[in-house]
Amino acid sequence: MSYSRVIPRDFFNEAKLLKCMGQLSLAILDGMTPEGITITVEETGEPFQIELDDDGYLYLTNYEMFVNGRAVAFVVKSFTQ
């Protein structure tokens, strides 16, 4: 973790990221992605490593995601107020 968490704000911010990733995973497993779009997530089996980038976005560092073979980052804007 590269940032200091503030409770309760970061409970909600990180929960939002994990909820979105869970919903995306369910859509992938249920074949609900749009036709022609293939999304894969490379699992490490490790605990989720959540980081905050310089622009204030939370993302998972140890779960790589690919859309049609291209690496992408799924992020959630962290509310810092």
C-alpha atoms as a PDB file:
ATOM      1  CA  MET A   1       0.000   0.000   0.000  1.00  0.00           C
ATOM      2  CA  SER A   2       1.544   3.294  -1.075  1.00  0.00           C
ATOM      3  CA  TYR A   3      -0.869   5.656   0.651  1.00  0.00           C
ATOM      4  CA  SER A   4      -2.189   6.229   4.156  1.00  0.00           C
ATOM      5  CA  ARG A   5      -5.760   5.072   4.502  1.00  0.00           C
ATOM      6  CA  VAL A   6      -8.333   7.301   6.146  1.00  0.00           C
ATOM      7  CA  ILE A   7     -11.253   5.536   7.785  1.00  0.00           C
ATOM      8  CA  PRO A   8     -14.174   5.455   6.998  1.00  0.00           C
ATOM      9  CA  ARG A   9     -13.585   7.127   3.611  1.00  0.00           C
ATOM     10  CA  ASP A  10     -11.211   4.475   2.286  1.00  0.00           C
ATOM     11  CA  PHE A  11     -13.427   1.595   3.433  1.00  0.00           C
ATOM     12  CA  PHE A  12     -16.020   2.917   0.975  1.00  0.00           C
ATOM     13  CA  ASN A  13     -13.543   3.771  -1.806  1.00  0.00           C
ATOM     14  CA  GLU A  14     -11.838   0.366  -1.759  1.00  0.00           C
ATOM     15  CA  ALA A  15     -15.148  -1.472  -1.368  1.00  0.00           C
ATOM     16  CA  LYS A  16     -16.436   0.305  -4.487  1.00  0.00           C
ATOM     17  CA  LEU A  17     -13.400  -0.859  -6.485  1.00  0.00           C
ATOM     18  CA  LEU A  18     -13.741  -4.466  -5.309  1.00  0.00           C
ATOM     19  CA  LYS A  19     -17.516  -4.458  -5.928  1.00  0.00           C
ATOM     20  CA  CYS A  20     -16.985  -3.247  -9.509  1.00  0.00           C
ATOM     21  CA  MET A  21     -14.310  -5.893 -10.107  1.00  0.00           C
ATOM     22  CA  GLY A  22     -16.661  -8.557  -8.732  1.00  0.00           C
ATOM     23  CA  GLN A  23     -19.467  -7.421 -11.040  1.00  0.00           C
ATOM     24  CA  LEU A  24     -17.085  -7.419 -13.999  1.00  0.00           C
ATOM     25  CA  SER A  25     -15.919 -10.940 -13.108  1.00  0.00           C
ATOM     26  CA  LEU A  26     -19.523 -12.181 -12.949  1.00  0.00           C
ATOM     27  CA  ALA A  27     -20.286 -10.620 -16.341  1.00  0.00           C
ATOM     28  CA  ILE A  28     -17.237 -12.341 -17.834  1.00  0.00           C
ATOM     29  CA  LEU A  29     -18.104 -15.731 -16.319  1.00  0.00           C
ATOM     30  CA  ASP A  30     -21.763 -15.444 -17.383  1.00  0.00           C
ATOM     31  CA  GLY A  31     -20.825 -14.525 -20.966  1.00  0.00           C
ATOM     32  CA  MET A  32     -22.455 -11.105 -20.642  1.00  0.00           C
ATOM     33  CA  THR A  33     -19.681  -9.061 -22.264  1.00  0.00           C
ATOM     34  CA  PRO A  34     -20.565  -7.378 -25.577  1.00  0.00           C
ATOM     35  CA  GLU A  35     -20.074  -9.432 -28.706  1.00  0.00           C
ATOM     36  CA  GLY A  36     -16.534  -9.112 -30.029  1.00  0.00           C
ATOM     37  CA  ILE A  37     -15.084  -8.061 -26.684  1.00  0.00           C
ATOM     38  CA  THR A  38     -13.030 -10.543 -24.706  1.00  0.00           C
ATOM     39  CA  ILE A  39     -12.014  -9.584 -21.177  1.00  0.00           C
ATOM     40  CA  THR A  40      -9.612 -11.707 -19.146  1.00  0.00           C
ATOM     41  CA  VAL A  41      -8.239 -11.274 -15.652  1.00  0.00           C
ATOM     42  CA  GLU A  42      -4.967 -12.947 -14.724  1.00  0.00           C
ATOM     43  CA  GLU A  43      -5.275 -14.135 -11.149  1.00  0.00           C
ATOM     44  CA  THR A  44      -2.280 -14.412  -8.865  1.00  0.00           C
ATOM     45  CA  GLY A  45      -4.101 -16.040  -5.964  1.00  0.00           C
ATOM     46  CA  GLU A  46      -2.629 -13.379  -3.689  1.00  0.00           C
ATOM     47  CA  PRO A  47      -4.570 -10.917  -1.524  1.00  0.00           C
ATOM     48  CA  PHE A  48      -5.741  -7.852  -3.437  1.00  0.00           C
ATOM     49  CA  GLN A  49      -3.084  -5.140  -3.560  1.00  0.00           C
ATOM     50  CA  ILE A  50      -4.880  -1.804  -3.883  1.00  0.00           C
ATOM     51  CA  GLU A  51      -2.870   1.300  -4.771  1.00  0.00           C
ATOM     52  CA  LEU A  52      -3.632   4.974  -5.312  1.00  0.00           C
ATOM     53  CA  ASP A  53      -2.089   6.674  -8.362  1.00  0.00           C
ATOM     54  CA  ASP A  54      -1.003  10.317  -8.620  1.00  0.00           C
ATOM     55  CA  ASP A  55      -4.357  11.304 -10.158  1.00  0.00           C
ATOM     56  CA  GLY A  56      -6.360   9.915  -7.212  1.00  0.00           C
ATOM     57  CA  TYR A  57      -7.527   6.656  -8.815  1.00  0.00           C
ATOM     58  CA  LEU A  58      -7.559   3.343  -6.969  1.00  0.00           C
ATOM     59  CA  TYR A  59      -6.521   0.226  -8.873  1.00  0.00           C
ATOM     60  CA  LEU A  60      -5.427  -3.374  -8.292  1.00  0.00           C
ATOM     61  CA  THR A  61      -1.705  -3.834  -8.867  1.00  0.00           C
ATOM     62  CA  ASN A  62      -1.499  -7.619  -8.784  1.00  0.00           C
ATOM     63  CA  TYR A  63      -4.424  -8.613 -11.032  1.00  0.00           C
ATOM     64  CA  GLU A  64      -3.698  -7.858 -14.686  1.00  0.00           C
ATOM     65  CA  MET A  65      -6.685  -7.293 -16.957  1.00  0.00           C
ATOM     66  CA  PHE A  66      -6.848  -7.528 -20.734  1.00  0.00           C
ATOM     67  CA  VAL A  67      -9.506  -6.422 -23.214  1.00  0.00           C
ATOM     68  CA  ASN A  68      -9.086  -8.140 -26.584  1.00  0.00           C
ATOM     69  CA  GLY A  69      -5.499  -8.943 -25.636  1.00  0.00           C
ATOM     70  CA  ARG A  70      -4.519  -5.395 -24.624  1.00  0.00           C
ATOM     71  CA  ALA A  71      -3.578  -4.615 -21.022  1.00  0.00           C
ATOM     72  CA  VAL A  72      -5.972  -2.182 -19.351  1.00  0.00           C
ATOM     73  CA  ALA A  73      -6.392  -0.770 -15.870  1.00  0.00           C
ATOM     74  CA  PHE A  74      -9.816  -0.612 -14.297  1.00  0.00           C
ATOM     75  CA  VAL A  75      -9.846   2.221 -11.787  1.00  0.00           C
ATOM     76  CA  VAL A  76     -12.178   3.970  -9.345  1.00  0.00           C
ATOM     77  CA  LYS A  77     -11.812   7.635  -8.456  1.00  0.00           C
ATOM     78  CA  SER A  78     -10.984   8.010  -4.771  1.00  0.00           C
ATOM     79  CA  PHE A  79     -12.975  10.639  -2.909  1.00  0.00           C
ATOM     80  CA  THR A  80     -10.494  12.585  -0.845  1.00  0.00           C
ATOM     81  CA  GLN A  81     -12.890  15.078   0.745  1.00  0.00           C
END
